[in-house]
């Protein structure tokens, strides 16, 4: 499962039986993004984070995902929210949003070139001084994950395959710095998350502000 098209098919199959658990740090988000901001939630799934933000007074939100089934569920669950289908190329004009949210999306894009393409698109659609909020997973050092990385035998280290065929990626701090060169880092906090399969994993919160380009 390497291409965005393969990923779309995978998440279409998993749409009804996947529970996402990575949390949004609302207090931290609110300290950098106003309630009047226009927000883009990339990889929005069924709209979990969009609904959370909406309930907190953020009403200018658009969510995009490449899974038609995820979007179908989102529209049924939250008919008042704005959903659209998109892959790595975002269907929005330059400088359209004040903030972009990326919740456990990079882990679903193992190819570094695809990750960089998405980050360039995020830079493009963000307004001057726009904010990107990223939550994702970092490389783990426990025996279970080390065995998975080794068994997958892929570059870069941190890529692994699930039993159902999904190829995912955990990230080094150095790689994250390379991905966010268009942004001034405001927050980077390591933490531990519970994954969608109920395992504990190293993770991080990142908030960056778009630099003049």
N, C-alpha and C. Protein backbone atom coordinates (compact mmCIF):
# COMPACT_ATOMS: atom_id res chain seq x y z
N UNK A 1 0.85 -1.19 0.00
CA UNK A 1 0.00 0.00 0.00
C UNK A 1 0.89 1.24 0.00
N UNK A 2 1.26 1.70 -1.19
CA UNK A 2 2.22 2.79 -1.29
C UNK A 2 1.61 4.08 -1.82
N UNK A 3 0.78 3.99 -2.86
CA UNK A 3 0.29 5.18 -3.52
C UNK A 3 -0.90 5.76 -2.77
N UNK A 4 -1.20 7.06 -2.99
CA UNK A 4 -2.41 7.63 -2.40
C UNK A 4 -3.67 6.87 -2.79
N UNK A 5 -3.70 6.31 -4.01
CA UNK A 5 -4.86 5.54 -4.44
C UNK A 5 -5.02 4.28 -3.60
N UNK A 6 -3.90 3.59 -3.34
CA UNK A 6 -3.95 2.41 -2.49
C UNK A 6 -4.42 2.78 -1.08
N UNK A 7 -3.92 3.89 -0.57
CA UNK A 7 -4.32 4.34 0.75
C UNK A 7 -5.82 4.63 0.79
N UNK A 8 -6.33 5.23 -0.27
CA UNK A 8 -7.76 5.52 -0.34
C UNK A 8 -8.57 4.23 -0.22
N UNK A 9 -8.18 3.20 -0.97
CA UNK A 9 -8.91 1.94 -0.93
C UNK A 9 -8.84 1.31 0.46
N UNK A 10 -7.67 1.40 1.08
CA UNK A 10 -7.50 0.82 2.42
C UNK A 10 -8.42 1.51 3.41
N UNK A 11 -8.42 2.83 3.45
CA UNK A 11 -9.23 3.55 4.43
C UNK A 11 -10.71 3.48 4.11
N UNK A 12 -11.07 3.29 2.85
CA UNK A 12 -12.47 3.02 2.52
C UNK A 12 -12.91 1.72 3.19
N UNK A 13 -12.05 0.70 3.15
CA UNK A 13 -12.38 -0.58 3.77
C UNK A 13 -12.45 -0.48 5.29
N UNK A 14 -11.60 0.36 5.86
CA UNK A 14 -11.49 0.45 7.31
C UNK A 14 -12.41 1.51 7.93
N UNK A 15 -13.17 2.21 7.12
CA UNK A 15 -13.89 3.39 7.59
C UNK A 15 -14.85 3.08 8.74
N UNK A 16 -15.54 1.97 8.68
CA UNK A 16 -16.58 1.70 9.66
C UNK A 16 -16.07 1.01 10.92
N UNK A 17 -14.82 0.53 10.92
CA UNK A 17 -14.35 -0.20 12.10
C UNK A 17 -13.04 0.35 12.66
N UNK A 18 -12.77 1.63 12.40
CA UNK A 18 -11.56 2.27 12.91
C UNK A 18 -11.93 3.39 13.88
N UNK A 19 -11.30 3.37 15.04
CA UNK A 19 -11.51 4.42 16.03
C UNK A 19 -10.21 5.20 16.19
N UNK A 20 -10.24 6.48 15.85
CA UNK A 20 -9.06 7.32 15.97
C UNK A 20 -8.99 7.91 17.38
N UNK A 21 -7.77 7.99 17.90
CA UNK A 21 -7.66 8.36 19.32
C UNK A 21 -6.66 9.48 19.60
N UNK A 22 -5.85 9.88 18.63
CA UNK A 22 -4.87 10.93 18.93
C UNK A 22 -5.60 12.23 19.27
N UNK A 23 -5.29 12.82 20.42
CA UNK A 23 -6.06 13.98 20.89
C UNK A 23 -5.55 15.31 20.34
N UNK A 24 -6.45 16.25 20.25
CA UNK A 24 -6.11 17.64 19.94
C UNK A 24 -5.91 18.38 21.25
N UNK A 25 -4.78 19.05 21.40
CA UNK A 25 -4.52 19.86 22.58
C UNK A 25 -5.23 21.20 22.39
N UNK A 26 -6.46 21.28 22.85
CA UNK A 26 -7.29 22.45 22.57
C UNK A 26 -6.72 23.73 23.17
N UNK A 27 -6.24 23.65 24.39
CA UNK A 27 -5.70 24.85 25.02
C UNK A 27 -4.52 25.40 24.23
N UNK A 28 -3.65 24.51 23.80
CA UNK A 28 -2.49 24.94 23.02
C UNK A 28 -2.93 25.49 21.66
N UNK A 29 -3.91 24.82 21.04
CA UNK A 29 -4.42 25.27 19.75
C UNK A 29 -5.03 26.67 19.88
N UNK A 30 -5.85 26.86 20.90
CA UNK A 30 -6.52 28.15 21.10
C UNK A 30 -5.54 29.29 21.35
N UNK A 31 -4.39 28.97 21.91
CA UNK A 31 -3.42 30.02 22.20
C UNK A 31 -2.72 30.52 20.93
N UNK A 32 -2.91 29.82 19.80
CA UNK A 32 -2.26 30.23 18.55
C UNK A 32 -3.26 30.52 17.42
N UNK A 33 -4.52 30.09 17.59
CA UNK A 33 -5.51 30.24 16.51
C UNK A 33 -6.78 30.86 17.08
N UNK A 34 -7.27 31.94 16.47
CA UNK A 34 -8.48 32.61 16.95
C UNK A 34 -9.72 31.87 16.47
N UNK A 35 -10.83 32.10 17.15
CA UNK A 35 -12.08 31.44 16.79
C UNK A 35 -12.62 31.92 15.44
N UNK A 36 -12.15 33.07 14.97
CA UNK A 36 -12.59 33.59 13.67
C UNK A 36 -11.76 33.01 12.51
N UNK A 37 -10.77 32.22 12.81
CA UNK A 37 -9.85 31.72 11.79
C UNK A 37 -10.55 30.76 10.83
N UNK A 38 -10.08 30.78 9.59
CA UNK A 38 -10.49 29.76 8.62
C UNK A 38 -9.53 28.58 8.77
N UNK A 39 -10.08 27.37 8.98
CA UNK A 39 -9.28 26.21 9.35
C UNK A 39 -9.50 25.09 8.35
N UNK A 40 -8.43 24.44 7.94
CA UNK A 40 -8.48 23.27 7.07
C UNK A 40 -7.98 22.06 7.86
N UNK A 41 -8.82 21.04 7.97
CA UNK A 41 -8.46 19.78 8.63
C UNK A 41 -8.15 18.76 7.54
N UNK A 42 -6.87 18.45 7.35
CA UNK A 42 -6.45 17.51 6.31
C UNK A 42 -6.42 16.11 6.90
N UNK A 43 -7.02 15.15 6.17
CA UNK A 43 -7.15 13.80 6.70
C UNK A 43 -8.18 13.77 7.81
N UNK A 44 -9.30 14.42 7.57
CA UNK A 44 -10.30 14.65 8.62
C UNK A 44 -11.06 13.39 9.01
N UNK A 45 -10.97 12.31 8.20
CA UNK A 45 -11.71 11.10 8.53
C UNK A 45 -13.19 11.35 8.62
N UNK A 46 -13.82 10.87 9.72
CA UNK A 46 -15.27 11.11 9.85
C UNK A 46 -15.60 12.42 10.54
N UNK A 47 -14.61 13.31 10.73
CA UNK A 47 -14.91 14.65 11.22
C UNK A 47 -14.80 14.82 12.72
N UNK A 48 -14.10 13.89 13.39
CA UNK A 48 -13.98 13.93 14.85
C UNK A 48 -13.40 15.26 15.35
N UNK A 49 -12.29 15.68 14.77
CA UNK A 49 -11.63 16.91 15.22
C UNK A 49 -12.41 18.15 14.77
N UNK A 50 -12.99 18.08 13.59
CA UNK A 50 -13.81 19.21 13.12
C UNK A 50 -14.96 19.48 14.08
N UNK A 51 -15.63 18.42 14.50
CA UNK A 51 -16.74 18.59 15.43
C UNK A 51 -16.26 19.14 16.77
N UNK A 52 -15.11 18.66 17.22
CA UNK A 52 -14.56 19.16 18.49
C UNK A 52 -14.26 20.65 18.41
N UNK A 53 -13.66 21.07 17.30
CA UNK A 53 -13.36 22.49 17.12
C UNK A 53 -14.64 23.31 17.01
N UNK A 54 -15.61 22.79 16.27
CA UNK A 54 -16.87 23.51 16.09
C UNK A 54 -17.56 23.75 17.44
N UNK A 55 -17.51 22.75 18.29
CA UNK A 55 -18.13 22.87 19.62
C UNK A 55 -17.40 23.89 20.50
N UNK A 56 -16.16 24.19 20.13
CA UNK A 56 -15.37 25.17 20.87
C UNK A 56 -15.48 26.57 20.28
N UNK A 57 -16.34 26.73 19.28
CA UNK A 57 -16.58 28.05 18.72
C UNK A 57 -15.85 28.36 17.43
N UNK A 58 -15.11 27.37 16.89
CA UNK A 58 -14.46 27.54 15.58
C UNK A 58 -15.44 27.11 14.51
N UNK A 59 -15.99 28.05 13.77
CA UNK A 59 -17.08 27.73 12.84
C UNK A 59 -16.67 27.74 11.38
N UNK A 60 -15.46 28.26 11.06
CA UNK A 60 -15.02 28.33 9.67
C UNK A 60 -14.05 27.18 9.38
N UNK A 61 -14.60 25.96 9.27
CA UNK A 61 -13.78 24.76 9.16
C UNK A 61 -14.15 23.99 7.90
N UNK A 62 -13.13 23.55 7.17
CA UNK A 62 -13.30 22.64 6.04
C UNK A 62 -12.45 21.39 6.32
N UNK A 63 -13.03 20.22 6.07
CA UNK A 63 -12.28 18.98 6.23
C UNK A 63 -12.11 18.28 4.91
N UNK A 64 -10.90 17.75 4.63
CA UNK A 64 -10.66 16.98 3.41
C UNK A 64 -10.07 15.62 3.78
N UNK A 65 -10.40 14.64 2.96
CA UNK A 65 -9.87 13.29 3.13
C UNK A 65 -9.92 12.61 1.77
N UNK A 66 -9.03 11.60 1.56
CA UNK A 66 -9.10 10.91 0.27
C UNK A 66 -10.04 9.71 0.30
N UNK A 67 -10.56 9.36 1.47
CA UNK A 67 -11.46 8.21 1.59
C UNK A 67 -12.91 8.64 1.42
N UNK A 68 -13.55 8.14 0.38
CA UNK A 68 -14.96 8.48 0.15
C UNK A 68 -15.83 7.97 1.30
N UNK A 69 -15.50 6.79 1.81
CA UNK A 69 -16.31 6.20 2.87
C UNK A 69 -16.16 6.97 4.18
N UNK A 70 -14.95 7.42 4.48
CA UNK A 70 -14.76 8.26 5.66
C UNK A 70 -15.60 9.53 5.55
N UNK A 71 -15.56 10.16 4.39
CA UNK A 71 -16.32 11.39 4.18
C UNK A 71 -17.83 11.13 4.25
N UNK A 72 -18.26 9.99 3.73
CA UNK A 72 -19.68 9.64 3.79
C UNK A 72 -20.15 9.54 5.24
N UNK A 73 -19.34 8.90 6.07
CA UNK A 73 -19.67 8.79 7.49
C UNK A 73 -19.66 10.16 8.16
N UNK A 74 -18.68 10.99 7.80
CA UNK A 74 -18.60 12.32 8.39
C UNK A 74 -19.82 13.16 8.05
N UNK A 75 -20.22 13.14 6.80
CA UNK A 75 -21.37 13.93 6.39
C UNK A 75 -22.65 13.45 7.07
N UNK A 76 -22.75 12.15 7.30
CA UNK A 76 -23.93 11.60 7.99
C UNK A 76 -23.92 11.97 9.47
N UNK A 77 -22.74 11.96 10.08
CA UNK A 77 -22.64 12.23 11.52
C UNK A 77 -22.72 13.73 11.83
N UNK A 78 -22.13 14.54 10.94
CA UNK A 78 -22.06 15.98 11.19
C UNK A 78 -22.51 16.73 9.93
N UNK A 79 -23.80 16.71 9.64
CA UNK A 79 -24.29 17.30 8.38
C UNK A 79 -24.08 18.80 8.27
N UNK A 80 -23.81 19.47 9.38
CA UNK A 80 -23.59 20.91 9.33
C UNK A 80 -22.17 21.32 9.03
N UNK A 81 -21.26 20.33 8.91
CA UNK A 81 -19.86 20.64 8.64
C UNK A 81 -19.54 20.47 7.16
N UNK A 82 -18.44 21.06 6.74
CA UNK A 82 -18.07 21.15 5.33
C UNK A 82 -16.96 20.15 5.01
N UNK A 83 -17.29 19.13 4.21
CA UNK A 83 -16.34 18.09 3.84
C UNK A 83 -16.08 18.12 2.34
N UNK A 84 -14.86 17.72 1.95
CA UNK A 84 -14.52 17.61 0.53
C UNK A 84 -13.48 16.51 0.36
N UNK A 85 -13.46 15.92 -0.84
CA UNK A 85 -12.48 14.88 -1.11
C UNK A 85 -11.23 15.49 -1.73
N UNK A 86 -10.07 15.06 -1.26
CA UNK A 86 -8.80 15.54 -1.81
C UNK A 86 -7.71 14.57 -1.43
N UNK A 87 -6.66 14.54 -2.24
CA UNK A 87 -5.48 13.72 -1.93
C UNK A 87 -4.32 14.67 -1.62
N UNK A 88 -3.16 14.45 -2.22
CA UNK A 88 -2.00 15.28 -1.91
C UNK A 88 -2.13 16.69 -2.48
N UNK A 89 -2.81 16.83 -3.62
CA UNK A 89 -3.05 18.15 -4.20
C UNK A 89 -4.34 18.72 -3.59
N UNK A 90 -4.23 19.86 -2.93
CA UNK A 90 -5.37 20.44 -2.24
C UNK A 90 -6.15 21.37 -3.17
N UNK A 91 -7.48 21.22 -3.25
CA UNK A 91 -8.29 21.98 -4.21
C UNK A 91 -8.67 23.36 -3.69
N UNK A 92 -7.67 24.13 -3.25
CA UNK A 92 -7.92 25.45 -2.70
C UNK A 92 -6.91 26.45 -3.27
N UNK A 93 -7.31 27.70 -3.29
CA UNK A 93 -6.42 28.75 -3.80
C UNK A 93 -5.29 29.02 -2.81
N UNK A 94 -4.26 29.68 -3.32
CA UNK A 94 -3.17 30.12 -2.45
C UNK A 94 -3.73 31.03 -1.35
N UNK A 95 -3.12 30.94 -0.18
CA UNK A 95 -3.44 31.86 0.93
C UNK A 95 -4.92 31.83 1.32
N UNK A 96 -5.47 30.64 1.42
CA UNK A 96 -6.90 30.50 1.71
C UNK A 96 -7.23 30.34 3.19
N UNK A 97 -6.28 29.84 3.99
CA UNK A 97 -6.59 29.44 5.36
C UNK A 97 -5.66 30.11 6.37
N UNK A 98 -6.21 30.32 7.56
CA UNK A 98 -5.42 30.84 8.67
C UNK A 98 -4.69 29.72 9.41
N UNK A 99 -5.24 28.51 9.37
CA UNK A 99 -4.65 27.39 10.09
C UNK A 99 -4.94 26.08 9.39
N UNK A 100 -4.00 25.15 9.50
CA UNK A 100 -4.17 23.79 8.98
C UNK A 100 -3.91 22.82 10.11
N UNK A 101 -4.78 21.82 10.21
CA UNK A 101 -4.65 20.78 11.23
C UNK A 101 -4.31 19.47 10.54
N UNK A 102 -3.32 18.75 11.08
CA UNK A 102 -2.84 17.49 10.50
C UNK A 102 -2.71 16.49 11.64
N UNK A 103 -3.75 15.68 11.83
CA UNK A 103 -3.81 14.77 12.96
C UNK A 103 -3.49 13.33 12.52
N UNK A 104 -2.29 12.86 12.88
CA UNK A 104 -1.89 11.48 12.56
C UNK A 104 -2.08 11.17 11.08
N UNK A 105 -1.70 12.12 10.24
CA UNK A 105 -1.81 11.94 8.78
C UNK A 105 -0.47 11.51 8.19
N UNK A 106 0.62 12.12 8.65
CA UNK A 106 1.94 11.78 8.10
C UNK A 106 2.26 10.30 8.29
N UNK A 107 1.80 9.72 9.39
CA UNK A 107 2.07 8.31 9.63
C UNK A 107 1.44 7.42 8.56
N UNK A 108 0.38 7.91 7.92
CA UNK A 108 -0.30 7.14 6.87
C UNK A 108 0.31 7.39 5.49
N UNK A 109 1.37 8.22 5.43
CA UNK A 109 2.05 8.54 4.16
C UNK A 109 3.52 8.15 4.32
N UNK A 110 3.86 6.89 4.11
CA UNK A 110 5.23 6.45 4.39
C UNK A 110 6.29 7.04 3.47
N UNK A 111 5.90 7.42 2.26
CA UNK A 111 6.87 7.92 1.30
C UNK A 111 7.24 9.36 1.61
N UNK A 112 8.53 9.62 1.80
CA UNK A 112 8.99 10.95 2.16
C UNK A 112 8.68 12.00 1.12
N UNK A 113 8.75 11.63 -0.16
CA UNK A 113 8.47 12.61 -1.21
C UNK A 113 7.00 13.03 -1.20
N UNK A 114 6.11 12.09 -0.88
CA UNK A 114 4.69 12.42 -0.77
C UNK A 114 4.44 13.32 0.44
N UNK A 115 5.13 13.05 1.54
CA UNK A 115 5.01 13.90 2.71
C UNK A 115 5.45 15.33 2.39
N UNK A 116 6.57 15.46 1.69
CA UNK A 116 7.06 16.79 1.35
C UNK A 116 6.10 17.50 0.40
N UNK A 117 5.50 16.75 -0.53
CA UNK A 117 4.52 17.34 -1.44
C UNK A 117 3.34 17.91 -0.66
N UNK A 118 2.86 17.14 0.33
CA UNK A 118 1.74 17.61 1.12
C UNK A 118 2.12 18.86 1.92
N UNK A 119 3.30 18.87 2.51
CA UNK A 119 3.72 20.02 3.30
C UNK A 119 3.87 21.27 2.42
N UNK A 120 4.31 21.10 1.18
CA UNK A 120 4.39 22.25 0.26
C UNK A 120 2.99 22.77 -0.07
N UNK A 121 2.03 21.86 -0.21
CA UNK A 121 0.65 22.27 -0.45
C UNK A 121 0.09 23.03 0.76
N UNK A 122 0.43 22.56 1.95
CA UNK A 122 -0.01 23.25 3.16
C UNK A 122 0.56 24.67 3.20
N UNK A 123 1.83 24.80 2.88
CA UNK A 123 2.44 26.13 2.82
C UNK A 123 1.71 27.01 1.81
N UNK A 124 1.36 26.45 0.68
CA UNK A 124 0.71 27.22 -0.39
C UNK A 124 -0.65 27.75 0.04
N UNK A 125 -1.46 26.91 0.69
CA UNK A 125 -2.84 27.32 1.00
C UNK A 125 -2.93 28.15 2.28
N UNK A 126 -1.87 28.18 3.07
CA UNK A 126 -1.88 28.99 4.29
C UNK A 126 -1.62 30.46 3.97
N UNK A 127 -2.30 31.32 4.70
CA UNK A 127 -2.05 32.76 4.59
C UNK A 127 -0.71 33.10 5.23
N UNK A 128 -0.25 34.31 4.98
CA UNK A 128 0.96 34.79 5.64
C UNK A 128 0.79 34.70 7.16
N UNK A 129 1.79 34.15 7.82
CA UNK A 129 1.77 33.92 9.28
C UNK A 129 0.74 32.86 9.70
N UNK A 130 0.25 32.07 8.73
CA UNK A 130 -0.68 31.00 9.06
C UNK A 130 -0.04 29.93 9.92
N UNK A 131 -0.88 29.20 10.64
CA UNK A 131 -0.43 28.22 11.62
C UNK A 131 -0.69 26.80 11.12
N UNK A 132 0.30 25.92 11.29
CA UNK A 132 0.09 24.50 11.07
C UNK A 132 0.22 23.78 12.41
N UNK A 133 -0.76 22.94 12.70
CA UNK A 133 -0.78 22.15 13.94
C UNK A 133 -0.68 20.68 13.52
N UNK A 134 0.37 20.00 13.97
CA UNK A 134 0.61 18.60 13.59
C UNK A 134 0.69 17.75 14.85
N UNK A 135 -0.02 16.64 14.83
CA UNK A 135 0.13 15.60 15.82
C UNK A 135 0.44 14.30 15.08
N UNK A 136 1.48 13.60 15.54
CA UNK A 136 1.83 12.35 14.85
C UNK A 136 2.72 11.50 15.74
N UNK A 137 3.25 10.42 15.15
CA UNK A 137 3.99 9.41 15.91
C UNK A 137 5.48 9.48 15.62
N UNK A 138 6.26 9.22 16.66
CA UNK A 138 7.71 9.21 16.55
C UNK A 138 8.24 7.78 16.66
N UNK A 139 9.48 7.60 16.25
CA UNK A 139 10.11 6.29 16.33
C UNK A 139 10.15 5.81 17.78
N UNK A 140 9.82 4.54 17.96
CA UNK A 140 9.82 3.90 19.28
C UNK A 140 11.04 3.00 19.44
N UNK A 141 11.43 2.78 20.67
CA UNK A 141 12.61 1.96 20.95
C UNK A 141 12.27 0.65 21.66
N UNK A 142 10.98 0.38 21.86
CA UNK A 142 10.59 -0.86 22.53
C UNK A 142 10.78 -2.05 21.59
N UNK A 143 10.95 -3.27 22.12
CA UNK A 143 11.22 -4.45 21.28
C UNK A 143 10.15 -4.71 20.22
N UNK A 144 8.89 -4.49 20.55
CA UNK A 144 7.81 -4.77 19.60
C UNK A 144 7.95 -3.91 18.34
N UNK A 145 8.15 -2.62 18.53
CA UNK A 145 8.26 -1.74 17.37
C UNK A 145 9.59 -1.93 16.65
N UNK A 146 10.67 -2.12 17.36
CA UNK A 146 11.95 -2.36 16.70
C UNK A 146 11.88 -3.59 15.81
N UNK A 147 11.19 -4.63 16.28
CA UNK A 147 11.04 -5.84 15.46
C UNK A 147 10.23 -5.54 14.21
N UNK A 148 9.20 -4.71 14.34
CA UNK A 148 8.38 -4.37 13.17
C UNK A 148 9.18 -3.57 12.15
N UNK A 149 9.98 -2.61 12.63
CA UNK A 149 10.80 -1.82 11.71
C UNK A 149 11.79 -2.72 10.97
N UNK A 150 12.43 -3.62 11.72
CA UNK A 150 13.44 -4.51 11.13
C UNK A 150 12.80 -5.49 10.16
N UNK A 151 11.66 -6.05 10.54
CA UNK A 151 10.99 -7.04 9.69
C UNK A 151 10.54 -6.40 8.37
N UNK A 152 10.08 -5.15 8.43
CA UNK A 152 9.66 -4.47 7.20
C UNK A 152 10.86 -4.22 6.28
N UNK A 153 12.03 -3.99 6.90
CA UNK A 153 13.28 -3.85 6.14
C UNK A 153 13.17 -2.79 5.06
N UNK A 154 12.69 -1.61 5.47
CA UNK A 154 12.48 -0.52 4.52
C UNK A 154 13.24 0.70 4.98
N UNK A 155 13.66 1.50 4.02
CA UNK A 155 14.20 2.82 4.31
C UNK A 155 13.09 3.85 4.11
N UNK A 156 13.01 4.82 4.99
CA UNK A 156 13.86 5.04 6.16
C UNK A 156 13.44 4.15 7.32
N UNK A 157 14.30 4.05 8.31
CA UNK A 157 13.98 3.31 9.51
C UNK A 157 12.75 3.94 10.17
N UNK A 158 11.82 3.10 10.58
CA UNK A 158 10.57 3.59 11.18
C UNK A 158 9.35 3.24 10.35
N UNK A 159 9.54 2.74 9.13
CA UNK A 159 8.43 2.27 8.30
C UNK A 159 8.12 0.83 8.71
N UNK A 160 6.82 0.50 8.78
CA UNK A 160 6.43 -0.86 9.15
C UNK A 160 5.10 -1.20 8.49
N UNK A 161 4.77 -2.49 8.50
CA UNK A 161 3.54 -2.97 7.86
C UNK A 161 2.66 -3.67 8.88
N UNK A 162 1.37 -3.37 8.85
CA UNK A 162 0.40 -4.04 9.70
C UNK A 162 -0.04 -5.36 9.05
N UNK A 163 -0.64 -6.21 9.85
CA UNK A 163 -1.10 -7.50 9.34
C UNK A 163 -2.14 -7.36 8.24
N UNK A 164 -2.89 -6.26 8.25
CA UNK A 164 -3.93 -6.08 7.23
C UNK A 164 -3.41 -5.40 5.97
N UNK A 165 -2.09 -5.18 5.90
CA UNK A 165 -1.50 -4.65 4.68
C UNK A 165 -1.16 -3.18 4.69
N UNK A 166 -1.59 -2.44 5.69
CA UNK A 166 -1.29 -1.01 5.75
C UNK A 166 0.20 -0.80 6.01
N UNK A 167 0.81 0.12 5.27
CA UNK A 167 2.19 0.51 5.49
C UNK A 167 2.17 1.89 6.16
N UNK A 168 2.78 1.96 7.35
CA UNK A 168 2.76 3.19 8.14
C UNK A 168 4.18 3.62 8.46
N UNK A 169 4.30 4.79 9.08
CA UNK A 169 5.63 5.31 9.36
C UNK A 169 5.65 6.06 10.69
N UNK A 170 6.69 5.79 11.47
CA UNK A 170 7.03 6.60 12.64
C UNK A 170 8.24 7.46 12.28
N UNK A 171 8.36 8.61 12.92
CA UNK A 171 9.27 9.64 12.42
C UNK A 171 10.38 10.00 13.41
N UNK A 172 11.52 10.35 12.86
CA UNK A 172 12.60 10.89 13.67
C UNK A 172 12.41 12.40 13.80
N UNK A 173 12.99 12.96 14.84
CA UNK A 173 12.93 14.41 15.04
C UNK A 173 13.60 15.13 13.87
N UNK A 174 14.71 14.57 13.36
CA UNK A 174 15.44 15.20 12.26
C UNK A 174 14.58 15.29 11.01
N UNK A 175 13.81 14.23 10.73
CA UNK A 175 12.94 14.25 9.56
C UNK A 175 11.84 15.29 9.71
N UNK A 176 11.29 15.43 10.89
CA UNK A 176 10.24 16.41 11.12
C UNK A 176 10.75 17.83 10.91
N UNK A 177 11.99 18.09 11.33
CA UNK A 177 12.60 19.40 11.10
C UNK A 177 12.71 19.67 9.61
N UNK A 178 13.10 18.66 8.83
CA UNK A 178 13.22 18.83 7.38
C UNK A 178 11.87 19.10 6.73
N UNK A 179 10.81 18.45 7.23
CA UNK A 179 9.48 18.63 6.66
C UNK A 179 8.92 20.02 6.90
N UNK A 180 9.36 20.67 7.95
CA UNK A 180 8.73 21.93 8.37
C UNK A 180 9.65 23.14 8.17
N UNK A 181 10.50 23.07 7.16
CA UNK A 181 11.45 24.17 6.93
C UNK A 181 10.75 25.47 6.53
N UNK A 182 9.51 25.41 6.05
CA UNK A 182 8.78 26.62 5.68
C UNK A 182 8.13 27.30 6.88
N UNK A 183 8.33 26.72 8.06
CA UNK A 183 7.62 27.21 9.24
C UNK A 183 8.59 27.54 10.37
N UNK A 184 8.22 28.55 11.12
CA UNK A 184 8.93 28.87 12.35
C UNK A 184 8.32 28.04 13.48
N UNK A 185 9.12 27.20 14.08
CA UNK A 185 8.60 26.33 15.14
C UNK A 185 8.23 27.15 16.38
N UNK A 186 7.00 26.99 16.84
CA UNK A 186 6.54 27.66 18.05
C UNK A 186 6.40 26.66 19.21
N UNK A 187 6.00 25.43 18.89
CA UNK A 187 5.83 24.40 19.92
C UNK A 187 6.29 23.06 19.35
N UNK A 188 7.10 22.36 20.12
CA UNK A 188 7.35 20.94 19.83
C UNK A 188 7.39 20.22 21.18
N UNK A 189 6.44 19.33 21.37
CA UNK A 189 6.32 18.64 22.65
C UNK A 189 6.20 17.14 22.42
N UNK A 190 7.12 16.38 22.97
CA UNK A 190 7.02 14.92 22.91
C UNK A 190 5.98 14.44 23.90
N UNK A 191 5.30 13.36 23.55
CA UNK A 191 4.28 12.80 24.42
C UNK A 191 4.12 11.31 24.10
N UNK A 192 3.14 10.67 24.68
CA UNK A 192 2.82 9.27 24.38
C UNK A 192 1.34 9.20 24.04
N UNK A 193 1.02 8.58 22.92
CA UNK A 193 -0.36 8.42 22.48
C UNK A 193 -0.77 6.95 22.54
N UNK A 194 -2.08 6.73 22.53
CA UNK A 194 -2.64 5.40 22.31
C UNK A 194 -3.05 5.32 20.84
N UNK A 195 -2.58 4.30 20.14
CA UNK A 195 -2.85 4.17 18.71
C UNK A 195 -4.26 3.65 18.46
N UNK A 196 -4.65 3.60 17.18
CA UNK A 196 -5.98 3.11 16.84
C UNK A 196 -6.12 1.62 17.14
N UNK A 197 -4.98 0.92 17.35
CA UNK A 197 -5.01 -0.49 17.74
C UNK A 197 -4.74 -0.67 19.23
N UNK A 198 -4.85 0.45 19.97
CA UNK A 198 -4.78 0.43 21.44
C UNK A 198 -3.40 0.08 21.99
N UNK A 199 -2.35 0.42 21.26
CA UNK A 199 -0.98 0.31 21.75
C UNK A 199 -0.48 1.70 22.11
N UNK A 200 0.49 1.76 23.00
CA UNK A 200 1.12 3.03 23.35
C UNK A 200 2.27 3.30 22.38
N UNK A 201 2.41 4.56 21.99
CA UNK A 201 3.46 4.93 21.04
C UNK A 201 3.97 6.33 21.34
N UNK A 202 5.26 6.53 21.12
CA UNK A 202 5.81 7.88 21.20
C UNK A 202 5.14 8.78 20.17
N UNK A 203 4.87 10.02 20.57
CA UNK A 203 4.25 10.95 19.65
C UNK A 203 4.71 12.37 19.93
N UNK A 204 4.11 13.33 19.22
CA UNK A 204 4.48 14.73 19.41
C UNK A 204 3.35 15.65 19.01
N UNK A 205 3.38 16.84 19.57
CA UNK A 205 2.59 17.98 19.11
C UNK A 205 3.56 18.98 18.49
N UNK A 206 3.17 19.54 17.36
CA UNK A 206 3.99 20.58 16.72
C UNK A 206 3.08 21.72 16.30
N UNK A 207 3.51 22.94 16.58
CA UNK A 207 2.84 24.13 16.05
C UNK A 207 3.89 25.01 15.40
N UNK A 208 3.65 25.35 14.14
CA UNK A 208 4.56 26.21 13.41
C UNK A 208 3.80 27.34 12.74
N UNK A 209 4.52 28.43 12.51
CA UNK A 209 3.92 29.58 11.82
C UNK A 209 4.64 29.80 10.50
N UNK A 210 3.87 29.95 9.44
CA UNK A 210 4.43 30.10 8.09
C UNK A 210 5.35 31.30 8.02
N UNK A 211 6.55 31.04 7.52
CA UNK A 211 7.52 32.12 7.37
C UNK A 211 7.35 32.81 6.03
N UNK A 212 7.84 34.03 5.91
CA UNK A 212 7.79 34.73 4.64
C UNK A 212 8.61 33.99 3.60
N UNK A 213 7.99 33.68 2.47
CA UNK A 213 8.65 32.86 1.44
C UNK A 213 8.68 33.63 0.12
